[in-house]
N, C-alpha and C. Protein backbone atom coordinates (compact mmCIF):
# COMPACT_ATOMS: atom_id res chain seq x y z
N MET A 1 250.66 24.08 169.88
CA MET A 1 250.82 24.01 168.39
C MET A 1 250.89 25.45 167.69
N THR A 2 250.76 26.30 169.01
CA THR A 2 250.89 27.94 168.13
C THR A 2 252.27 28.31 167.42
N SER A 3 253.59 27.60 168.04
CA SER A 3 254.54 27.97 167.59
C SER A 3 254.84 27.85 166.29
N VAL A 4 254.28 26.13 166.10
CA VAL A 4 254.60 25.59 165.03
C VAL A 4 253.71 25.55 163.41
N PHE A 5 252.20 26.17 164.28
CA PHE A 5 251.53 26.14 163.08
C PHE A 5 251.25 27.79 162.78
N CYS A 6 251.48 28.52 163.38
CA CYS A 6 250.78 29.97 163.07
C CYS A 6 252.39 30.29 162.59
N ASP A 7 252.00 30.71 161.37
CA ASP A 7 252.98 31.31 160.48
C ASP A 7 252.96 32.43 160.15
N ARG A 8 251.93 32.76 159.56
CA ARG A 8 251.43 34.35 159.44
C ARG A 8 251.15 34.83 160.71
N ILE A 9 251.53 34.86 162.33
CA ILE A 9 251.04 35.87 162.87
C ILE A 9 251.68 37.19 162.84
N SER A 10 252.60 37.37 162.29
CA SER A 10 253.85 38.71 162.83
C SER A 10 253.13 39.16 161.36
N GLU A 11 252.39 39.13 160.22
CA GLU A 11 251.88 39.72 159.36
C GLU A 11 250.16 40.18 159.96
N ASP A 12 249.91 40.64 160.84
CA ASP A 12 248.21 40.42 161.18
C ASP A 12 248.75 41.39 162.12
N PRO A 13 248.62 42.03 162.72
CA PRO A 13 248.69 43.75 163.29
C PRO A 13 247.68 43.62 164.39
N SER A 14 246.27 42.86 164.22
CA SER A 14 245.47 43.11 165.04
C SER A 14 245.33 41.91 165.73
N HIS A 15 246.20 40.63 165.59
CA HIS A 15 246.74 39.76 165.70
C HIS A 15 245.22 38.28 166.38
N LEU A 16 244.34 39.17 165.02
CA LEU A 16 243.33 37.67 164.79
C LEU A 16 243.82 36.16 164.85
N THR A 17 245.12 36.25 163.78
CA THR A 17 245.13 35.12 163.17
C THR A 17 245.47 34.18 164.26
N LEU A 18 246.42 34.85 165.68
CA LEU A 18 247.01 34.28 167.10
C LEU A 18 245.82 33.78 167.82
N VAL A 19 244.93 34.81 167.55
CA VAL A 19 243.69 34.11 168.60
C VAL A 19 242.94 32.69 167.85
N LEU A 20 242.76 33.12 166.91
CA LEU A 20 242.38 31.62 165.84
C LEU A 20 242.84 30.88 166.22
N CYS A 21 244.47 30.85 166.08
CA CYS A 21 245.56 29.75 166.34
C CYS A 21 245.63 28.96 167.53
N GLN A 22 245.48 29.70 168.61
CA GLN A 22 245.57 29.04 170.01
C GLN A 22 244.18 28.98 170.85
N THR A 23 243.15 29.33 170.06
CA THR A 23 241.91 29.04 170.27
C THR A 23 241.21 27.95 169.82
N GLU A 24 241.90 27.52 169.27
CA GLU A 24 241.47 26.38 167.73
C GLU A 24 240.13 26.96 167.19
N LEU A 25 240.55 27.60 166.18
CA LEU A 25 239.25 28.38 165.62
C LEU A 25 238.62 28.75 166.33
N VAL A 26 238.44 29.23 167.45
CA VAL A 26 237.25 29.94 168.60
C VAL A 26 236.50 28.56 168.90
N GLY A 27 236.93 27.58 168.64
CA GLY A 27 235.99 26.44 169.14
C GLY A 27 235.15 25.86 168.19
N LEU A 28 234.64 26.53 167.00
CA LEU A 28 233.90 26.24 166.24
C LEU A 28 234.39 25.09 165.18
N MET A 29 234.92 24.53 165.12
CA MET A 29 234.97 22.86 165.05
C MET A 29 234.75 22.03 166.01
N GLN A 30 234.86 22.03 167.40
CA GLN A 30 233.61 21.26 168.54
C GLN A 30 232.59 21.66 168.35
N LEU A 31 232.06 22.88 167.81
CA LEU A 31 230.64 23.13 168.38
C LEU A 31 230.30 22.52 166.91
N LEU A 32 230.28 22.68 165.93
CA LEU A 32 230.36 21.22 164.62
C LEU A 32 229.59 20.58 164.88
N TYR A 33 230.97 19.54 165.91
CA TYR A 33 230.93 18.54 166.12
C TYR A 33 229.41 17.59 166.98
N ALA A 34 229.64 18.87 167.80
CA ALA A 34 228.60 18.94 168.95
C ALA A 34 227.17 18.68 168.64
N MET A 35 226.95 19.54 167.62
CA MET A 35 225.45 19.57 166.87
C MET A 35 225.28 18.89 166.15
N LEU A 36 226.48 18.47 165.36
CA LEU A 36 226.14 17.45 164.19
C LEU A 36 225.74 16.15 164.33
N LEU A 37 226.40 15.62 165.24
CA LEU A 37 227.03 14.64 165.75
C LEU A 37 226.36 14.22 166.99
N ALA A 38 225.43 15.16 167.08
CA ALA A 38 224.72 14.98 168.75
C ALA A 38 224.00 13.30 168.66
N ASP A 39 223.62 12.69 168.11
CA ASP A 39 223.30 11.74 168.27
C ASP A 39 223.72 10.79 167.83
N GLY A 40 225.19 11.10 167.72
CA GLY A 40 225.90 10.20 167.12
C GLY A 40 226.39 9.54 165.94
N PRO A 41 227.63 9.40 165.35
CA PRO A 41 228.24 9.22 164.47
C PRO A 41 226.29 8.35 163.27
N PRO A 42 226.62 9.00 162.30
CA PRO A 42 224.93 8.84 161.07
C PRO A 42 225.64 6.58 160.81
N ARG A 43 224.32 6.58 160.91
CA ARG A 43 224.37 4.56 160.26
C ARG A 43 223.96 5.02 159.08
N HIS A 44 224.85 3.80 158.22
CA HIS A 44 224.73 3.63 156.47
C HIS A 44 222.72 3.27 156.37
N SER A 45 222.24 2.64 157.10
CA SER A 45 221.06 2.23 156.90
C SER A 45 219.58 3.02 157.23
N SER A 46 220.20 3.62 157.85
CA SER A 46 218.96 4.95 159.03
C SER A 46 219.00 6.37 157.86
N THR A 47 217.79 6.78 157.98
CA THR A 47 217.36 8.11 157.31
C THR A 47 218.38 9.23 158.53
N PRO A 48 218.98 10.34 158.61
CA PRO A 48 219.34 10.98 158.84
C PRO A 48 218.06 11.92 159.74
N THR A 49 218.46 12.44 161.11
CA THR A 49 217.80 13.01 161.73
C THR A 49 217.71 14.54 161.07
N PRO A 50 216.56 15.27 160.64
CA PRO A 50 216.39 16.41 160.35
C PRO A 50 216.82 17.34 161.64
N LEU A 51 217.90 18.32 160.70
CA LEU A 51 218.25 19.39 161.49
C LEU A 51 217.23 20.45 161.95
N THR A 52 216.93 21.13 162.86
CA THR A 52 216.11 22.22 163.12
C THR A 52 216.94 23.45 162.61
N GLN A 53 216.10 24.56 162.35
CA GLN A 53 216.71 25.89 161.84
C GLN A 53 217.37 26.66 162.87
N HIS A 54 217.16 26.19 164.13
CA HIS A 54 218.66 27.02 165.10
C HIS A 54 219.98 26.11 164.26
N THR A 55 219.86 24.71 164.64
CA THR A 55 221.36 24.32 164.61
C THR A 55 221.87 24.32 162.81
N LEU A 56 220.59 24.17 161.71
CA LEU A 56 221.06 24.68 160.29
C LEU A 56 221.76 26.31 160.86
N ALA A 57 221.28 27.37 161.26
CA ALA A 57 221.27 29.00 161.33
C ALA A 57 222.75 29.01 161.56
N ILE A 58 223.39 27.94 162.83
CA ILE A 58 224.47 28.25 163.79
C ILE A 58 225.77 27.54 162.66
N THR A 59 225.48 26.06 162.39
CA THR A 59 226.07 25.65 161.37
C THR A 59 226.53 26.55 159.75
N MET A 60 225.32 26.80 159.65
CA MET A 60 225.70 28.17 157.92
C MET A 60 226.67 29.16 159.32
N ALA A 61 226.65 29.74 160.09
CA ALA A 61 227.44 30.98 160.47
C ALA A 61 228.95 30.51 161.02
N ALA A 62 229.13 29.20 161.59
CA ALA A 62 230.23 28.55 161.96
C ALA A 62 231.07 27.92 160.39
N ILE A 63 229.95 27.47 159.71
CA ILE A 63 231.00 27.56 158.18
C ILE A 63 231.29 29.11 157.86
N LYS A 64 230.66 29.83 157.81
CA LYS A 64 231.61 30.89 157.12
C LYS A 64 232.58 31.07 157.56
N ALA A 65 232.67 31.77 159.24
CA ALA A 65 233.28 31.88 159.95
C ALA A 65 234.66 31.28 159.17
N LEU A 66 234.50 30.26 159.57
CA LEU A 66 235.06 29.20 158.63
C LEU A 66 236.34 29.33 157.83
N ASN A 67 234.74 30.08 156.54
CA ASN A 67 235.91 30.16 155.77
C ASN A 67 236.64 31.27 155.69
N ASN A 68 236.17 32.74 156.43
CA ASN A 68 236.78 33.69 156.42
C ASN A 68 237.89 33.78 157.04
N ALA A 69 237.50 32.58 158.06
CA ALA A 69 239.59 32.26 158.42
C ALA A 69 240.26 31.95 157.31
N ALA A 70 240.05 31.00 156.70
CA ALA A 70 240.55 30.48 155.64
C ALA A 70 240.70 31.11 154.41
N ILE A 71 240.17 32.06 154.84
CA ILE A 71 241.07 33.51 153.81
C ILE A 71 241.77 34.37 154.07
N LEU A 72 241.98 34.31 155.29
CA LEU A 72 243.52 35.02 156.47
C LEU A 72 244.28 34.00 155.79
N ASP A 73 244.15 32.68 156.56
CA ASP A 73 245.50 32.09 156.76
C ASP A 73 245.06 30.76 156.53
N LEU A 74 244.77 30.17 155.23
CA LEU A 74 244.39 28.99 154.88
C LEU A 74 245.36 27.76 155.36
N ARG A 75 246.57 27.78 156.10
CA ARG A 75 247.44 26.68 156.44
C ARG A 75 247.13 26.39 157.68
N MET A 76 246.62 27.18 158.75
CA MET A 76 246.94 27.65 160.22
C MET A 76 244.89 27.02 159.67
N VAL A 77 244.55 27.20 159.22
CA VAL A 77 242.77 26.31 159.19
C VAL A 77 243.18 24.89 158.84
N GLN A 78 243.35 24.76 157.90
CA GLN A 78 243.62 23.12 157.79
C GLN A 78 244.65 22.42 159.01
N VAL A 79 245.25 22.98 159.31
CA VAL A 79 246.38 22.25 160.58
C VAL A 79 245.19 22.03 162.01
N SER A 80 244.70 23.09 161.60
CA SER A 80 243.96 23.01 163.52
C SER A 80 242.35 22.32 163.16
N VAL A 81 241.72 22.03 161.98
CA VAL A 81 240.70 21.26 161.55
C VAL A 81 241.07 19.75 161.43
N VAL A 82 242.91 19.40 161.33
CA VAL A 82 242.83 18.08 161.47
C VAL A 82 243.45 17.71 162.82
N TYR A 83 244.36 18.84 163.70
CA TYR A 83 244.47 18.59 165.13
C TYR A 83 243.43 18.66 166.04
N VAL A 84 242.10 19.18 165.36
CA VAL A 84 240.63 18.77 166.47
C VAL A 84 240.22 17.94 166.28
N GLY A 85 240.20 17.44 164.97
CA GLY A 85 239.83 15.83 164.51
C GLY A 85 240.37 15.06 164.92
N SER A 86 241.25 14.77 164.99
CA SER A 86 243.04 13.21 165.52
C SER A 86 242.17 14.27 166.84
N ARG A 87 241.75 14.55 167.79
CA ARG A 87 241.45 15.21 169.54
C ARG A 87 240.08 13.89 169.31
N THR A 88 239.85 14.67 168.56
CA THR A 88 237.79 14.56 168.94
C THR A 88 237.72 13.20 168.58
N SER A 89 239.15 12.29 167.70
CA SER A 89 238.19 10.53 167.21
C SER A 89 238.65 9.81 168.20
N GLU A 90 239.32 10.45 169.33
CA GLU A 90 239.96 9.84 170.50
C GLU A 90 238.90 9.07 171.07
């Protein structure tokens, strides 16, 4: 995945983009999947389980981190999200 999808790595002297790309956004998508879908996929006929303050705080922090990564390199985030999503649905 790294060589194909991490186009802007040479523009980043801190190598943050490289780290985000190689670690699939530092596992943030997997964390969100695990926390928000812990009870399984939502059912249309049931009321969603309320989220705890802890879960909401972690979710908001992860979304803010993903937003900041998207500001840095939107294409890398889009490709990483699709890649992680395709692996999670298997």
